[in-house]
Amino acid sequence: MDTQRIAALKSGDYQVFAEVFECFWDKVYLYLVKKTHSPEAAKDLTQMVFIKLWRYRSSLSSDYTLNEQLFRKTKQVFIDWLRQETRRRQFLAGDVSITDLTLAGTAHEGIAISKDVVNAIQTLPPKRKEIFELRHIYGYSYKEIAELLGISTKTVDNQLLKANVQLRKLLQTAIYTAVINEILHHVN
């Protein structure tokens, strides 16, 4: 039965996909609720699992059961989510890459720069901010952002370029102040 389902999925049989969705949705969702401790995140991730199942159906193999392949995808989606959550938490905690430049001589100055970065990101136009966050905070690829937002990868690239230019202008003052403070700290 599994080999027939897999063959049907690979050929793009949407009815079989709907049956697989109905059959496995609860099992995938419950697994993800257990792992994430968040019903909302689990719903989103469960949807992502089935989107990936459909999108990458041509890579299904009759060497493994559908259950094994589906849960392999589920585990990968969960791992991706964990990575994104880690990035998000680091960002919210102020561990922004600009502080790694060690421009600030003290932890207090580093926190000030992090706040400047957060404030600068908040000034981006809504769509540009969304694209910037999806790329740099949540770790999505250009292609994933384009698919998620229904835009071209070129638009993603252009918006990220504009965001970087805008942020660079806004942050020049913060960086300049941190450099001057560092110089003054070493002179004294």
N, C-alpha and C. Protein backbone atom coordinates (compact mmCIF):
# COMPACT_ATOMS: atom_id res chain seq x y z
N MET A 1 0.83 -1.20 0.00
CA MET A 1 0.00 0.00 0.00
C MET A 1 0.87 1.26 0.00
N ASP A 2 1.94 1.26 0.81
CA ASP A 2 2.81 2.44 0.88
C ASP A 2 3.47 2.73 -0.46
N THR A 3 3.93 1.70 -1.14
CA THR A 3 4.61 1.92 -2.43
C THR A 3 3.65 2.54 -3.44
N GLN A 4 2.36 2.16 -3.39
CA GLN A 4 1.37 2.75 -4.28
C GLN A 4 1.14 4.22 -3.93
N ARG A 5 1.03 4.49 -2.63
CA ARG A 5 0.85 5.88 -2.18
C ARG A 5 2.04 6.74 -2.60
N ILE A 6 3.22 6.20 -2.37
CA ILE A 6 4.44 6.95 -2.71
C ILE A 6 4.49 7.22 -4.20
N ALA A 7 4.20 6.22 -5.00
CA ALA A 7 4.20 6.39 -6.46
C ALA A 7 3.16 7.43 -6.88
N ALA A 8 1.98 7.37 -6.26
CA ALA A 8 0.92 8.33 -6.58
C ALA A 8 1.33 9.75 -6.17
N LEU A 9 1.93 9.87 -5.00
CA LEU A 9 2.42 11.19 -4.56
C LEU A 9 3.47 11.73 -5.51
N LYS A 10 4.41 10.88 -5.89
CA LYS A 10 5.48 11.30 -6.79
C LYS A 10 4.93 11.78 -8.13
N SER A 11 3.84 11.18 -8.56
CA SER A 11 3.25 11.57 -9.84
C SER A 11 2.34 12.80 -9.71
N GLY A 12 2.16 13.30 -8.46
CA GLY A 12 1.38 14.51 -8.26
C GLY A 12 -0.09 14.29 -8.01
N ASP A 13 -0.46 13.11 -7.53
CA ASP A 13 -1.86 12.80 -7.25
C ASP A 13 -2.30 13.55 -5.99
N TYR A 14 -3.05 14.63 -6.20
CA TYR A 14 -3.46 15.47 -5.08
C TYR A 14 -4.44 14.75 -4.14
N GLN A 15 -5.26 13.86 -4.69
CA GLN A 15 -6.22 13.13 -3.85
C GLN A 15 -5.47 12.23 -2.85
N VAL A 16 -4.42 11.57 -3.30
CA VAL A 16 -3.62 10.74 -2.39
C VAL A 16 -2.93 11.62 -1.36
N PHE A 17 -2.46 12.78 -1.79
CA PHE A 17 -1.85 13.71 -0.84
C PHE A 17 -2.86 14.10 0.24
N ALA A 18 -4.10 14.39 -0.16
CA ALA A 18 -5.14 14.76 0.80
C ALA A 18 -5.39 13.61 1.78
N GLU A 19 -5.36 12.38 1.29
CA GLU A 19 -5.54 11.22 2.16
C GLU A 19 -4.39 11.08 3.15
N VAL A 20 -3.18 11.28 2.66
CA VAL A 20 -1.99 11.21 3.53
C VAL A 20 -2.07 12.32 4.58
N PHE A 21 -2.47 13.49 4.15
CA PHE A 21 -2.63 14.62 5.06
C PHE A 21 -3.60 14.26 6.18
N GLU A 22 -4.76 13.75 5.81
CA GLU A 22 -5.78 13.36 6.80
C GLU A 22 -5.27 12.26 7.73
N CYS A 23 -4.57 11.31 7.17
CA CYS A 23 -4.09 10.16 7.92
C CYS A 23 -2.99 10.52 8.93
N PHE A 24 -2.10 11.42 8.53
CA PHE A 24 -0.91 11.68 9.34
C PHE A 24 -0.91 13.02 10.08
N TRP A 25 -1.85 13.92 9.79
CA TRP A 25 -1.79 15.26 10.37
C TRP A 25 -1.74 15.21 11.90
N ASP A 26 -2.65 14.47 12.53
CA ASP A 26 -2.69 14.41 13.99
C ASP A 26 -1.39 13.88 14.58
N LYS A 27 -0.86 12.85 13.96
CA LYS A 27 0.36 12.22 14.46
C LYS A 27 1.55 13.21 14.39
N VAL A 28 1.67 13.91 13.28
CA VAL A 28 2.75 14.89 13.11
C VAL A 28 2.54 16.04 14.09
N TYR A 29 1.32 16.54 14.16
CA TYR A 29 1.01 17.66 15.06
C TYR A 29 1.32 17.31 16.51
N LEU A 30 0.88 16.17 16.98
CA LEU A 30 1.12 15.77 18.37
C LEU A 30 2.62 15.62 18.66
N TYR A 31 3.35 15.08 17.72
CA TYR A 31 4.80 14.97 17.87
C TYR A 31 5.42 16.36 18.03
N LEU A 32 4.98 17.29 17.19
CA LEU A 32 5.56 18.64 17.23
C LEU A 32 5.11 19.44 18.46
N VAL A 33 3.90 19.20 18.94
CA VAL A 33 3.47 19.85 20.18
C VAL A 33 4.36 19.40 21.33
N LYS A 34 4.65 18.10 21.36
CA LYS A 34 5.53 17.54 22.39
C LYS A 34 6.92 18.18 22.34
N LYS A 35 7.43 18.38 21.12
CA LYS A 35 8.77 18.92 20.95
C LYS A 35 8.84 20.43 21.18
N THR A 36 7.84 21.16 20.71
CA THR A 36 7.90 22.63 20.78
C THR A 36 7.26 23.19 22.04
N HIS A 37 6.37 22.43 22.66
CA HIS A 37 5.59 22.90 23.82
C HIS A 37 4.73 24.11 23.45
N SER A 38 4.37 24.19 22.17
CA SER A 38 3.57 25.32 21.69
C SER A 38 2.59 24.83 20.63
N PRO A 39 1.30 24.81 20.95
CA PRO A 39 0.31 24.38 19.96
C PRO A 39 0.34 25.23 18.68
N GLU A 40 0.54 26.54 18.83
CA GLU A 40 0.59 27.42 17.66
C GLU A 40 1.78 27.10 16.77
N ALA A 41 2.95 26.97 17.39
CA ALA A 41 4.15 26.63 16.60
C ALA A 41 3.97 25.26 15.96
N ALA A 42 3.40 24.33 16.69
CA ALA A 42 3.19 22.98 16.16
C ALA A 42 2.27 23.00 14.95
N LYS A 43 1.22 23.82 14.98
CA LYS A 43 0.32 23.93 13.82
C LYS A 43 1.09 24.44 12.61
N ASP A 44 1.85 25.51 12.81
CA ASP A 44 2.63 26.08 11.70
C ASP A 44 3.62 25.07 11.15
N LEU A 45 4.31 24.39 12.05
CA LEU A 45 5.31 23.42 11.62
C LEU A 45 4.68 22.22 10.92
N THR A 46 3.52 21.79 11.41
CA THR A 46 2.82 20.68 10.77
C THR A 46 2.46 21.06 9.33
N GLN A 47 1.99 22.27 9.16
CA GLN A 47 1.68 22.73 7.80
C GLN A 47 2.94 22.74 6.95
N MET A 48 4.04 23.18 7.52
CA MET A 48 5.30 23.23 6.78
C MET A 48 5.73 21.82 6.36
N VAL A 49 5.53 20.85 7.24
CA VAL A 49 5.90 19.46 6.92
C VAL A 49 5.14 19.00 5.67
N PHE A 50 3.84 19.27 5.63
CA PHE A 50 3.06 18.81 4.50
C PHE A 50 3.33 19.63 3.24
N ILE A 51 3.66 20.89 3.41
CA ILE A 51 4.07 21.70 2.25
C ILE A 51 5.34 21.11 1.66
N LYS A 52 6.29 20.77 2.53
CA LYS A 52 7.55 20.19 2.05
C LYS A 52 7.32 18.80 1.45
N LEU A 53 6.42 18.04 2.05
CA LEU A 53 6.11 16.72 1.48
C LEU A 53 5.63 16.88 0.04
N TRP A 54 4.72 17.82 -0.18
CA TRP A 54 4.19 18.04 -1.52
C TRP A 54 5.26 18.62 -2.45
N ARG A 55 5.97 19.61 -1.97
CA ARG A 55 6.98 20.30 -2.79
C ARG A 55 8.10 19.36 -3.22
N TYR A 56 8.50 18.48 -2.32
CA TYR A 56 9.63 17.58 -2.61
C TYR A 56 9.17 16.13 -2.81
N ARG A 57 7.96 15.97 -3.27
CA ARG A 57 7.39 14.63 -3.45
C ARG A 57 8.21 13.79 -4.42
N SER A 58 8.87 14.43 -5.37
CA SER A 58 9.65 13.66 -6.36
C SER A 58 10.85 12.96 -5.72
N SER A 59 11.24 13.41 -4.53
CA SER A 59 12.39 12.78 -3.86
C SER A 59 11.98 11.62 -2.95
N LEU A 60 10.69 11.32 -2.88
CA LEU A 60 10.24 10.19 -2.05
C LEU A 60 10.81 8.89 -2.61
N SER A 61 11.06 7.95 -1.72
CA SER A 61 11.66 6.68 -2.12
C SER A 61 10.77 5.52 -1.68
N SER A 62 10.68 4.52 -2.52
CA SER A 62 9.90 3.33 -2.14
C SER A 62 10.72 2.39 -1.25
N ASP A 63 11.97 2.77 -0.97
CA ASP A 63 12.81 1.97 -0.06
C ASP A 63 12.43 2.15 1.40
N TYR A 64 11.71 3.21 1.71
CA TYR A 64 11.31 3.50 3.09
C TYR A 64 9.80 3.69 3.12
N THR A 65 9.22 3.47 4.30
CA THR A 65 7.78 3.66 4.43
C THR A 65 7.46 5.15 4.36
N LEU A 66 6.24 5.44 4.05
CA LEU A 66 5.79 6.83 4.01
C LEU A 66 5.91 7.45 5.40
N ASN A 67 5.59 6.67 6.41
CA ASN A 67 5.70 7.14 7.79
C ASN A 67 7.14 7.56 8.10
N GLU A 68 8.12 6.72 7.73
CA GLU A 68 9.53 7.05 7.99
C GLU A 68 9.94 8.32 7.26
N GLN A 69 9.54 8.45 6.01
CA GLN A 69 9.94 9.62 5.23
C GLN A 69 9.25 10.88 5.73
N LEU A 70 8.01 10.75 6.13
CA LEU A 70 7.28 11.90 6.66
C LEU A 70 7.90 12.37 7.97
N PHE A 71 8.28 11.44 8.81
CA PHE A 71 8.86 11.85 10.09
C PHE A 71 10.31 12.32 9.95
N ARG A 72 10.97 11.88 8.91
CA ARG A 72 12.29 12.44 8.62
C ARG A 72 12.12 13.92 8.25
N LYS A 73 11.11 14.22 7.44
CA LYS A 73 10.81 15.61 7.08
C LYS A 73 10.37 16.39 8.31
N THR A 74 9.58 15.76 9.16
CA THR A 74 9.10 16.41 10.38
C THR A 74 10.27 16.79 11.28
N LYS A 75 11.19 15.87 11.46
CA LYS A 75 12.37 16.15 12.30
C LYS A 75 13.21 17.27 11.70
N GLN A 76 13.34 17.29 10.38
CA GLN A 76 14.13 18.36 9.74
C GLN A 76 13.45 19.72 9.91
N VAL A 77 12.13 19.75 9.76
CA VAL A 77 11.39 21.00 9.97
C VAL A 77 11.55 21.46 11.41
N PHE A 78 11.50 20.53 12.35
CA PHE A 78 11.68 20.88 13.76
C PHE A 78 13.09 21.43 14.02
N ILE A 79 14.10 20.79 13.45
CA ILE A 79 15.49 21.26 13.62
C ILE A 79 15.63 22.66 13.04
N ASP A 80 15.07 22.88 11.86
CA ASP A 80 15.10 24.23 11.26
C ASP A 80 14.44 25.24 12.18
N TRP A 81 13.31 24.87 12.76
CA TRP A 81 12.60 25.75 13.68
C TRP A 81 13.46 26.06 14.91
N LEU A 82 14.13 25.04 15.45
CA LEU A 82 15.01 25.26 16.60
C LEU A 82 16.11 26.27 16.26
N ARG A 83 16.69 26.13 15.09
CA ARG A 83 17.74 27.07 14.66
C ARG A 83 17.18 28.49 14.57
N GLN A 84 16.00 28.61 13.98
CA GLN A 84 15.37 29.92 13.86
C GLN A 84 15.04 30.50 15.23
N GLU A 85 14.55 29.67 16.12
CA GLU A 85 14.23 30.13 17.47
C GLU A 85 15.49 30.61 18.20
N THR A 86 16.58 29.88 18.01
CA THR A 86 17.85 30.28 18.63
C THR A 86 18.28 31.63 18.11
N ARG A 87 18.21 31.82 16.78
CA ARG A 87 18.56 33.12 16.20
C ARG A 87 17.65 34.22 16.73
N ARG A 88 16.35 33.93 16.80
CA ARG A 88 15.38 34.93 17.27
C ARG A 88 15.68 35.31 18.72
N ARG A 89 15.95 34.31 19.55
CA ARG A 89 16.23 34.60 20.96
C ARG A 89 17.52 35.39 21.12
N GLN A 90 18.53 35.06 20.33
CA GLN A 90 19.78 35.81 20.38
C GLN A 90 19.54 37.25 19.97
N PHE A 91 18.72 37.44 18.95
CA PHE A 91 18.42 38.79 18.49
C PHE A 91 17.68 39.56 19.57
N LEU A 92 16.65 38.93 20.14
CA LEU A 92 15.86 39.61 21.17
C LEU A 92 16.68 39.89 22.43
N ALA A 93 17.68 39.06 22.69
CA ALA A 93 18.53 39.26 23.86
C ALA A 93 19.59 40.33 23.59
N GLY A 94 19.65 40.78 22.35
CA GLY A 94 20.61 41.83 22.02
C GLY A 94 21.93 41.31 21.53
N ASP A 95 22.04 40.01 21.29
CA ASP A 95 23.29 39.43 20.78
C ASP A 95 23.33 39.59 19.26
N VAL A 96 23.38 40.84 18.82
CA VAL A 96 23.36 41.15 17.40
C VAL A 96 24.79 41.14 16.89
N SER A 97 24.98 40.74 15.66
CA SER A 97 26.32 40.57 15.12
C SER A 97 27.16 41.83 15.19
N ILE A 98 26.55 42.98 15.19
CA ILE A 98 27.34 44.21 15.24
C ILE A 98 28.15 44.31 16.54
N THR A 99 27.66 43.71 17.61
CA THR A 99 28.41 43.75 18.87
C THR A 99 29.66 42.88 18.77
N ASP A 100 29.66 41.94 17.84
CA ASP A 100 30.83 41.10 17.65
C ASP A 100 31.98 41.86 17.02
N LEU A 101 31.70 43.04 16.52
CA LEU A 101 32.75 43.85 15.93
C LEU A 101 33.69 44.42 16.98
N THR A 102 33.33 44.27 18.24
CA THR A 102 34.08 44.77 19.39
C THR A 102 34.45 46.23 19.25
N LEU A 103 33.50 46.99 18.75
CA LEU A 103 33.72 48.43 18.65
C LEU A 103 33.54 49.10 20.01
N ALA A 104 32.78 48.45 20.87
CA ALA A 104 32.51 49.05 22.17
C ALA A 104 33.47 48.47 23.20
N GLY A 105 33.99 49.35 24.04
CA GLY A 105 34.96 48.92 25.04
C GLY A 105 34.33 48.26 26.25
N THR A 106 33.07 48.56 26.52
CA THR A 106 32.42 47.99 27.69
C THR A 106 31.13 47.30 27.28
N ALA A 107 30.63 46.46 28.16
CA ALA A 107 29.37 45.76 27.90
C ALA A 107 28.24 46.77 27.75
N HIS A 108 28.28 47.84 28.52
CA HIS A 108 27.23 48.85 28.47
C HIS A 108 27.17 49.48 27.07
N GLU A 109 28.31 49.78 26.50
CA GLU A 109 28.33 50.37 25.17
C GLU A 109 27.81 49.37 24.13
N GLY A 110 28.16 48.09 24.31
CA GLY A 110 27.67 47.05 23.41
C GLY A 110 26.16 46.95 23.44
N ILE A 111 25.57 47.07 24.63
CA ILE A 111 24.11 47.04 24.76
C ILE A 111 23.51 48.25 24.06
N ALA A 112 24.16 49.40 24.18
CA ALA A 112 23.66 50.60 23.51
C ALA A 112 23.66 50.40 22.00
N ILE A 113 24.70 49.80 21.46
CA ILE A 113 24.74 49.55 20.02
C ILE A 113 23.65 48.57 19.63
N SER A 114 23.45 47.52 20.42
CA SER A 114 22.40 46.55 20.11
C SER A 114 21.04 47.23 20.07
N LYS A 115 20.78 48.11 21.01
CA LYS A 115 19.51 48.84 21.02
C LYS A 115 19.39 49.72 19.79
N ASP A 116 20.50 50.33 19.38
CA ASP A 116 20.50 51.14 18.17
C ASP A 116 20.15 50.29 16.95
N VAL A 117 20.68 49.09 16.90
CA VAL A 117 20.39 48.19 15.78
C VAL A 117 18.91 47.84 15.78
N VAL A 118 18.38 47.46 16.92
CA VAL A 118 16.95 47.12 17.02
C VAL A 118 16.10 48.31 16.60
N ASN A 119 16.44 49.49 17.10
CA ASN A 119 15.68 50.70 16.75
C ASN A 119 15.77 50.99 15.26
N ALA A 120 16.95 50.81 14.68
CA ALA A 120 17.13 51.05 13.25
C ALA A 120 16.28 50.09 12.43
N ILE A 121 16.23 48.84 12.82
CA ILE A 121 15.43 47.84 12.10
C ILE A 121 13.94 48.23 12.16
N GLN A 122 13.52 48.77 13.30
CA GLN A 122 12.12 49.17 13.46
C GLN A 122 11.73 50.29 12.50
N THR A 123 12.71 51.06 12.01
CA THR A 123 12.39 52.19 11.12
C THR A 123 12.24 51.75 9.66
N LEU A 124 12.58 50.51 9.35
CA LEU A 124 12.45 50.04 7.97
C LEU A 124 10.97 50.00 7.57
N PRO A 125 10.66 50.25 6.30
CA PRO A 125 9.27 50.09 5.84
C PRO A 125 8.81 48.66 6.13
N PRO A 126 7.52 48.48 6.42
CA PRO A 126 7.02 47.17 6.88
C PRO A 126 7.44 45.96 6.03
N LYS A 127 7.29 46.03 4.73
CA LYS A 127 7.63 44.88 3.88
C LYS A 127 9.13 44.63 3.90
N ARG A 128 9.91 45.71 3.83
CA ARG A 128 11.37 45.58 3.86
C ARG A 128 11.82 45.00 5.20
N LYS A 129 11.20 45.45 6.28
CA LYS A 129 11.51 44.94 7.61
C LYS A 129 11.20 43.45 7.70
N GLU A 130 10.05 43.06 7.15
CA GLU A 130 9.66 41.64 7.17
C GLU A 130 10.69 40.79 6.42
N ILE A 131 11.10 41.25 5.25
CA ILE A 131 12.08 40.52 4.46
C ILE A 131 13.41 40.46 5.19
N PHE A 132 13.83 41.58 5.78
CA PHE A 132 15.09 41.63 6.53
C PHE A 132 15.06 40.65 7.70
N GLU A 133 13.98 40.65 8.46
CA GLU A 133 13.86 39.75 9.62
C GLU A 133 13.82 38.28 9.19
N LEU A 134 13.07 37.98 8.13
CA LEU A 134 13.02 36.59 7.65
C LEU A 134 14.41 36.10 7.26
N ARG A 135 15.21 36.98 6.67
CA ARG A 135 16.55 36.59 6.24
C ARG A 135 17.53 36.54 7.41
N HIS A 136 17.62 37.62 8.16
CA HIS A 136 18.70 37.76 9.14
C HIS A 136 18.36 37.31 10.55
N ILE A 137 17.10 37.21 10.86
CA ILE A 137 16.72 36.77 12.21
C ILE A 137 16.25 35.32 12.18
N TYR A 138 15.42 35.00 11.19
CA TYR A 138 14.87 33.65 11.13
C TYR A 138 15.64 32.72 10.20
N GLY A 139 16.57 33.26 9.43
CA GLY A 139 17.47 32.42 8.65
C GLY A 139 16.91 31.84 7.36
N TYR A 140 15.83 32.39 6.85
CA TYR A 140 15.27 31.88 5.60
C TYR A 140 16.19 32.25 4.43
N SER A 141 16.20 31.40 3.41
CA SER A 141 16.96 31.69 2.20
C SER A 141 16.17 32.68 1.34
N TYR A 142 16.83 33.26 0.36
CA TYR A 142 16.15 34.19 -0.56
C TYR A 142 14.97 33.48 -1.22
N LYS A 143 15.20 32.25 -1.65
CA LYS A 143 14.15 31.48 -2.34
C LYS A 143 12.96 31.22 -1.40
N GLU A 144 13.25 30.86 -0.16
CA GLU A 144 12.16 30.60 0.79
C GLU A 144 11.36 31.87 1.07
N ILE A 145 12.05 32.99 1.20
CA ILE A 145 11.36 34.27 1.43
C ILE A 145 10.47 34.59 0.23
N ALA A 146 11.03 34.44 -0.96
CA ALA A 146 10.27 34.73 -2.17
C ALA A 146 9.00 33.88 -2.24
N GLU A 147 9.13 32.59 -1.96
CA GLU A 147 7.98 31.69 -2.00
C GLU A 147 6.97 32.04 -0.91
N LEU A 148 7.47 32.33 0.28
CA LEU A 148 6.60 32.64 1.40
C LEU A 148 5.79 33.91 1.15
N LEU A 149 6.42 34.93 0.56
CA LEU A 149 5.76 36.22 0.36
C LEU A 149 5.17 36.39 -1.04
N GLY A 150 5.39 35.41 -1.90
CA GLY A 150 4.85 35.49 -3.25
C GLY A 150 5.51 36.57 -4.10
N ILE A 151 6.82 36.74 -3.94
CA ILE A 151 7.57 37.72 -4.70
C ILE A 151 8.76 37.02 -5.34
N SER A 152 9.47 37.73 -6.22
CA SER A 152 10.63 37.13 -6.88
C SER A 152 11.86 37.20 -5.97
N THR A 153 12.83 36.33 -6.23
CA THR A 153 14.08 36.37 -5.46
C THR A 153 14.82 37.68 -5.74
N LYS A 154 14.64 38.24 -6.93
CA LYS A 154 15.26 39.53 -7.26
C LYS A 154 14.69 40.63 -6.37
N THR A 155 13.38 40.59 -6.11
CA THR A 155 12.76 41.57 -5.22
C THR A 155 13.31 41.41 -3.81
N VAL A 156 13.47 40.17 -3.37
CA VAL A 156 14.07 39.92 -2.05
C VAL A 156 15.46 40.53 -2.00
N ASP A 157 16.26 40.26 -3.02
CA ASP A 157 17.62 40.79 -3.08
C ASP A 157 17.62 42.32 -3.06
N ASN A 158 16.75 42.94 -3.87
CA ASN A 158 16.68 44.41 -3.90
C ASN A 158 16.27 44.98 -2.55
N GLN A 159 15.28 44.37 -1.91
CA GLN A 159 14.81 44.88 -0.62
C GLN A 159 15.88 44.73 0.47
N LEU A 160 16.61 43.63 0.44
CA LEU A 160 17.69 43.44 1.41
C LEU A 160 18.82 44.43 1.18
N LEU A 161 19.12 44.71 -0.07
CA LEU A 161 20.14 45.70 -0.39
C LEU A 161 19.72 47.07 0.13
N LYS A 162 18.48 47.45 -0.13
CA LYS A 162 17.97 48.74 0.35
C LYS A 162 17.95 48.79 1.87
N ALA A 163 17.58 47.68 2.52
CA ALA A 163 17.58 47.64 3.99
C ALA A 163 18.99 47.84 4.52
N ASN A 164 19.97 47.18 3.90
CA ASN A 164 21.36 47.32 4.35
C ASN A 164 21.86 48.74 4.20
N VAL A 165 21.54 49.39 3.08
CA VAL A 165 21.95 50.78 2.87
C VAL A 165 21.30 51.67 3.92
N GLN A 166 20.01 51.49 4.13
CA GLN A 166 19.28 52.30 5.11
C GLN A 166 19.83 52.09 6.52
N LEU A 167 20.07 50.84 6.89
CA LEU A 167 20.58 50.55 8.23
C LEU A 167 22.00 51.09 8.40
N ARG A 168 22.81 50.97 7.36
CA ARG A 168 24.18 51.47 7.43
C ARG A 168 24.18 52.98 7.72
N LYS A 169 23.31 53.72 7.05
CA LYS A 169 23.21 55.17 7.27
C LYS A 169 22.77 55.47 8.69
N LEU A 170 21.74 54.75 9.14
CA LEU A 170 21.21 54.99 10.49
C LEU A 170 22.21 54.63 11.58
N LEU A 171 23.00 53.60 11.33
CA LEU A 171 23.90 53.10 12.38
C LEU A 171 25.28 53.76 12.38
N GLN A 172 25.58 54.56 11.37
CA GLN A 172 26.88 55.20 11.33
C GLN A 172 27.14 56.01 12.58
N THR A 173 26.14 56.72 13.05
CA THR A 173 26.30 57.54 14.24
C THR A 173 26.59 56.68 15.46
N ALA A 174 25.87 55.58 15.62
CA ALA A 174 26.08 54.70 16.78
C ALA A 174 27.47 54.09 16.74
N ILE A 175 27.89 53.65 15.57
CA ILE A 175 29.22 53.04 15.44
C ILE A 175 30.30 54.08 15.68
N TYR A 176 30.12 55.27 15.11
CA TYR A 176 31.09 56.35 15.28
C TYR A 176 31.25 56.68 16.77
N THR A 177 30.13 56.78 17.47
CA THR A 177 30.17 57.07 18.91
C THR A 177 30.90 55.97 19.66
N ALA A 178 30.64 54.72 19.32
CA ALA A 178 31.30 53.60 19.99
C ALA A 178 32.80 53.61 19.73
N VAL A 179 33.21 53.92 18.50
CA VAL A 179 34.64 53.98 18.17
C VAL A 179 35.32 55.10 18.94
N ILE A 180 34.69 56.27 18.98
CA ILE A 180 35.26 57.40 19.73
C ILE A 180 35.38 57.05 21.21
N ASN A 181 34.36 56.44 21.76
CA ASN A 181 34.42 56.03 23.19
C ASN A 181 35.53 55.01 23.43
N GLU A 182 35.71 54.10 22.47
CA GLU A 182 36.79 53.12 22.60
C GLU A 182 38.16 53.81 22.57
N ILE A 183 38.32 54.75 21.66
CA ILE A 183 39.59 55.49 21.57
C ILE A 183 39.83 56.27 22.85
N LEU A 184 38.80 56.97 23.32
CA LEU A 184 38.94 57.75 24.55
C LEU A 184 39.23 56.84 25.75
N HIS A 185 38.64 55.67 25.76
CA HIS A 185 38.86 54.71 26.84
C HIS A 185 40.32 54.29 26.89
N HIS A 186 40.93 54.07 25.72
CA HIS A 186 42.33 53.65 25.66
C HIS A 186 43.30 54.78 25.92
N VAL A 187 42.90 56.02 25.59
CA VAL A 187 43.76 57.17 25.82
C VAL A 187 43.85 57.47 27.31
N ASN A 188 42.72 57.31 28.00
CA ASN A 188 42.68 57.60 29.45
C ASN A 188 43.25 56.44 30.15
